Amino acid sequence: MPEKKILVVDDDPYILMSLEFLMQKNGYSVIVARNGREALHLAEQEKPDLVLLDIMMPDVDGFAICEYIKQQPALKDTIVVFLSAKTRESDLRKGLELGAAKYVFKPFSTRSLIKEINQLLH
């Protein structure tokens, strides 16, 4: 069975690096995007199985990226997991309404995050 591919999208280089390391350590193939535009391009090019997506980014926000992914026939089955410091109920609801499978608040436990991702991908 081929490795599952995860696209990690965050404008914080520290978070990006630690998530990339965590996902690789758990046997996933990882692609990283530092902003929304890069994320859209890589999602289309790489067709990841799952996207770990920050919401607040300088160019295109995570909500718009999720919406775009879910509208593309080739990407509509891509699992989207939001990782965000936005903890308002309205943000959570919006994320799930746009088609995200999970909405994880920052700061998060890496152990519980990897457990959630393993469940979503297997």
C-alpha atoms as a PDB file:
ATOM      1  CA  MET A   1       0.000   0.000   0.000  1.00  0.00           C
ATOM      2  CA  PRO A   2       1.525   3.354  -1.005  1.00  0.00           C
ATOM      3  CA  GLU A   3       2.330   5.954   1.616  1.00  0.00           C
ATOM      4  CA  LYS A   4      -0.480   8.349   2.376  1.00  0.00           C
ATOM      5  CA  LYS A   5       0.362  11.881   1.318  1.00  0.00           C
ATOM      6  CA  ILE A   6      -0.214  14.829   3.651  1.00  0.00           C
ATOM      7  CA  LEU A   7      -0.058  18.488   2.671  1.00  0.00           C
ATOM      8  CA  VAL A   8       0.826  20.663   5.677  1.00  0.00           C
ATOM      9  CA  VAL A   9      -0.115  24.339   5.289  1.00  0.00           C
ATOM     10  CA  ASP A  10       1.010  26.948   7.809  1.00  0.00           C
ATOM     11  CA  ASP A  11       2.730  30.328   7.576  1.00  0.00           C
ATOM     12  CA  ASP A  12       4.626  29.685  10.827  1.00  0.00           C
ATOM     13  CA  PRO A  13       7.920  27.978   9.870  1.00  0.00           C
ATOM     14  CA  TYR A  14       8.333  26.427  13.319  1.00  0.00           C
ATOM     15  CA  ILE A  15       4.893  24.758  13.211  1.00  0.00           C
ATOM     16  CA  LEU A  16       5.484  23.707   9.601  1.00  0.00           C
ATOM     17  CA  MET A  17       8.793  22.067  10.457  1.00  0.00           C
ATOM     18  CA  SER A  18       7.513  20.267  13.547  1.00  0.00           C
ATOM     19  CA  LEU A  19       4.396  18.975  11.748  1.00  0.00           C
ATOM     20  CA  GLU A  20       6.472  17.828   8.777  1.00  0.00           C
ATOM     21  CA  PHE A  21       8.789  15.924  11.132  1.00  0.00           C
ATOM     22  CA  LEU A  22       5.873  14.429  13.094  1.00  0.00           C
ATOM     23  CA  MET A  23       4.060  13.206   9.963  1.00  0.00           C
ATOM     24  CA  GLN A  24       7.232  11.732   8.404  1.00  0.00           C
ATOM     25  CA  LYS A  25       8.096   9.999  11.675  1.00  0.00           C
ATOM     26  CA  ASN A  26       4.663   8.355  11.516  1.00  0.00           C
ATOM     27  CA  GLY A  27       5.209   7.018   8.007  1.00  0.00           C
ATOM     28  CA  TYR A  28       3.494   9.656   5.906  1.00  0.00           C
ATOM     29  CA  SER A  29       4.784  11.322   2.778  1.00  0.00           C
ATOM     30  CA  VAL A  30       4.761  15.089   3.452  1.00  0.00           C
ATOM     31  CA  ILE A  31       4.508  18.186   1.277  1.00  0.00           C
ATOM     32  CA  VAL A  32       4.626  21.634   2.867  1.00  0.00           C
ATOM     33  CA  ALA A  33       3.127  24.955   1.826  1.00  0.00           C
ATOM     34  CA  ARG A  34       4.035  28.241   3.499  1.00  0.00           C
ATOM     35  CA  ASN A  35       1.016  30.193   2.276  1.00  0.00           C
ATOM     36  CA  GLY A  36      -2.399  29.833   0.710  1.00  0.00           C
ATOM     37  CA  ARG A  37      -1.359  30.245  -2.913  1.00  0.00           C
ATOM     38  CA  GLU A  38       1.319  27.602  -2.577  1.00  0.00           C
ATOM     39  CA  ALA A  39      -1.222  25.318  -0.871  1.00  0.00           C
ATOM     40  CA  LEU A  40      -3.709  25.626  -3.744  1.00  0.00           C
ATOM     41  CA  HIS A  41      -1.008  24.910  -6.307  1.00  0.00           C
ATOM     42  CA  LEU A  42       0.375  21.895  -4.403  1.00  0.00           C
ATOM     43  CA  ALA A  43      -3.096  20.471  -3.691  1.00  0.00           C
ATOM     44  CA  GLU A  44      -3.837  20.384  -7.420  1.00  0.00           C
ATOM     45  CA  GLN A  45      -0.398  19.118  -8.386  1.00  0.00           C
ATOM     46  CA  GLU A  46       0.108  16.494  -5.652  1.00  0.00           C
ATOM     47  CA  LYS A  47      -3.483  15.394  -4.845  1.00  0.00           C
ATOM     48  CA  PRO A  48      -2.790  14.738  -1.138  1.00  0.00           C
ATOM     49  CA  ASP A  49      -4.867  12.282   0.886  1.00  0.00           C
ATOM     50  CA  LEU A  50      -5.115  14.778   3.727  1.00  0.00           C
ATOM     51  CA  VAL A  51      -4.497  18.504   4.196  1.00  0.00           C
ATOM     52  CA  LEU A  52      -3.486  19.924   7.601  1.00  0.00           C
ATOM     53  CA  LEU A  53      -4.577  23.500   7.209  1.00  0.00           C
ATOM     54  CA  ASP A  54      -3.970  26.669   9.196  1.00  0.00           C
ATOM     55  CA  ILE A  55      -6.738  29.266   8.850  1.00  0.00           C
ATOM     56  CA  MET A  56      -5.022  32.606   9.399  1.00  0.00           C
ATOM     57  CA  MET A  57      -2.527  33.186   6.611  1.00  0.00           C
ATOM     58  CA  PRO A  58      -1.436  36.408   4.893  1.00  0.00           C
ATOM     59  CA  ASP A  59      -2.694  35.707   1.359  1.00  0.00           C
ATOM     60  CA  VAL A  60      -5.472  33.111   1.045  1.00  0.00           C
ATOM     61  CA  ASP A  61      -7.048  31.943   4.299  1.00  0.00           C
ATOM     62  CA  GLY A  62      -7.650  28.316   5.195  1.00  0.00           C
ATOM     63  CA  PHE A  63     -11.416  28.594   4.826  1.00  0.00           C
ATOM     64  CA  ALA A  64     -11.042  29.655   1.174  1.00  0.00           C
ATOM     65  CA  ILE A  65      -8.548  26.845   0.538  1.00  0.00           C
ATOM     66  CA  CYS A  66     -10.855  24.227   2.052  1.00  0.00           C
ATOM     67  CA  GLU A  67     -13.787  25.521   0.018  1.00  0.00           C
ATOM     68  CA  TYR A  68     -11.718  25.402  -3.183  1.00  0.00           C
ATOM     69  CA  ILE A  69     -10.474  21.849  -2.508  1.00  0.00           C
ATOM     70  CA  LYS A  70     -13.991  20.579  -1.855  1.00  0.00           C
ATOM     71  CA  GLN A  71     -15.234  22.119  -5.138  1.00  0.00           C
ATOM     72  CA  GLN A  72     -12.620  20.363  -7.305  1.00  0.00           C
ATOM     73  CA  PRO A  73     -13.776  16.963  -8.631  1.00  0.00           C
ATOM     74  CA  ALA A  74     -10.239  15.538  -8.406  1.00  0.00           C
ATOM     75  CA  LEU A  75      -9.803  16.769  -4.812  1.00  0.00           C
ATOM     76  CA  LYS A  76     -13.285  16.529  -3.301  1.00  0.00           C
ATOM     77  CA  ASP A  77     -12.414  13.354  -1.368  1.00  0.00           C
ATOM     78  CA  THR A  78      -9.329  14.956   0.161  1.00  0.00           C
ATOM     79  CA  ILE A  79      -9.613  14.995   3.949  1.00  0.00           C
ATOM     80  CA  VAL A  80      -9.177  18.478   5.428  1.00  0.00           C
ATOM     81  CA  VAL A  81      -8.148  19.028   9.052  1.00  0.00           C
ATOM     82  CA  PHE A  82      -8.024  22.606  10.303  1.00  0.00           C
ATOM     83  CA  LEU A  83      -5.348  23.517  12.856  1.00  0.00           C
ATOM     84  CA  SER A  84      -6.170  26.931  14.200  1.00  0.00           C
ATOM     85  CA  ALA A  85      -5.780  29.390  17.020  1.00  0.00           C
ATOM     86  CA  LYS A  86      -9.290  30.610  16.129  1.00  0.00           C
ATOM     87  CA  THR A  87     -11.335  28.981  18.862  1.00  0.00           C
ATOM     88  CA  ARG A  88     -14.701  30.680  18.437  1.00  0.00           C
ATOM     89  CA  GLU A  89     -17.687  28.399  17.986  1.00  0.00           C
ATOM     90  CA  SER A  90     -18.547  30.242  14.742  1.00  0.00           C
ATOM     91  CA  ASP A  91     -15.108  29.459  13.265  1.00  0.00           C
ATOM     92  CA  LEU A  92     -15.403  25.814  14.246  1.00  0.00           C
ATOM     93  CA  ARG A  93     -18.869  25.598  12.686  1.00  0.00           C
ATOM     94  CA  LYS A  94     -17.719  27.357   9.500  1.00  0.00           C
ATOM     95  CA  GLY A  95     -14.769  24.969   9.133  1.00  0.00           C
ATOM     96  CA  LEU A  96     -16.968  21.903   9.465  1.00  0.00           C
ATOM     97  CA  GLU A  97     -19.643  23.343   7.157  1.00  0.00           C
ATOM     98  CA  LEU A  98     -16.984  23.877   4.478  1.00  0.00           C
ATOM     99  CA  GLY A  99     -16.257  20.164   4.587  1.00  0.00           C
ATOM    100  CA  ALA A 100     -13.415  19.749   7.088  1.00  0.00           C
ATOM    101  CA  ALA A 101     -13.300  16.357   8.804  1.00  0.00           C
ATOM    102  CA  LYS A 102     -11.807  17.831  11.994  1.00  0.00           C
ATOM    103  CA  TYR A 103     -11.056  21.193  13.559  1.00  0.00           C
ATOM    104  CA  VAL A 104      -8.152  21.117  16.005  1.00  0.00           C
ATOM    105  CA  PHE A 105      -7.367  24.086  18.242  1.00  0.00           C
ATOM    106  CA  LYS A 106      -3.805  25.363  18.635  1.00  0.00           C
ATOM    107  CA  PRO A 107      -1.903  24.637  20.777  1.00  0.00           C
ATOM    108  CA  PHE A 108      -2.586  20.931  20.227  1.00  0.00           C
ATOM    109  CA  SER A 109      -1.199  17.663  21.535  1.00  0.00           C
ATOM    110  CA  THR A 110       0.941  16.013  18.861  1.00  0.00           C
ATOM    111  CA  ARG A 111      -0.022  12.595  20.224  1.00  0.00           C
ATOM    112  CA  SER A 112      -3.746  13.204  19.882  1.00  0.00           C
ATOM    113  CA  LEU A 113      -3.273  14.886  16.481  1.00  0.00           C
ATOM    114  CA  ILE A 114      -1.421  11.884  15.045  1.00  0.00           C
ATOM    115  CA  LYS A 115      -4.058   9.566  16.514  1.00  0.00           C
ATOM    116  CA  GLU A 116      -6.817  11.555  14.767  1.00  0.00           C
ATOM    117  CA  ILE A 117      -4.919  11.557  11.468  1.00  0.00           C
ATOM    118  CA  ASN A 118      -4.257   7.812  11.672  1.00  0.00           C
ATOM    119  CA  GLN A 119      -7.984   7.223  12.222  1.00  0.00           C
ATOM    120  CA  LEU A 120      -8.951   9.470   9.299  1.00  0.00           C
ATOM    121  CA  LEU A 121      -6.499   7.814   6.896  1.00  0.00           C
ATOM    122  CA  HIS A 122      -7.040   4.155   7.788  1.00  0.00           C
END
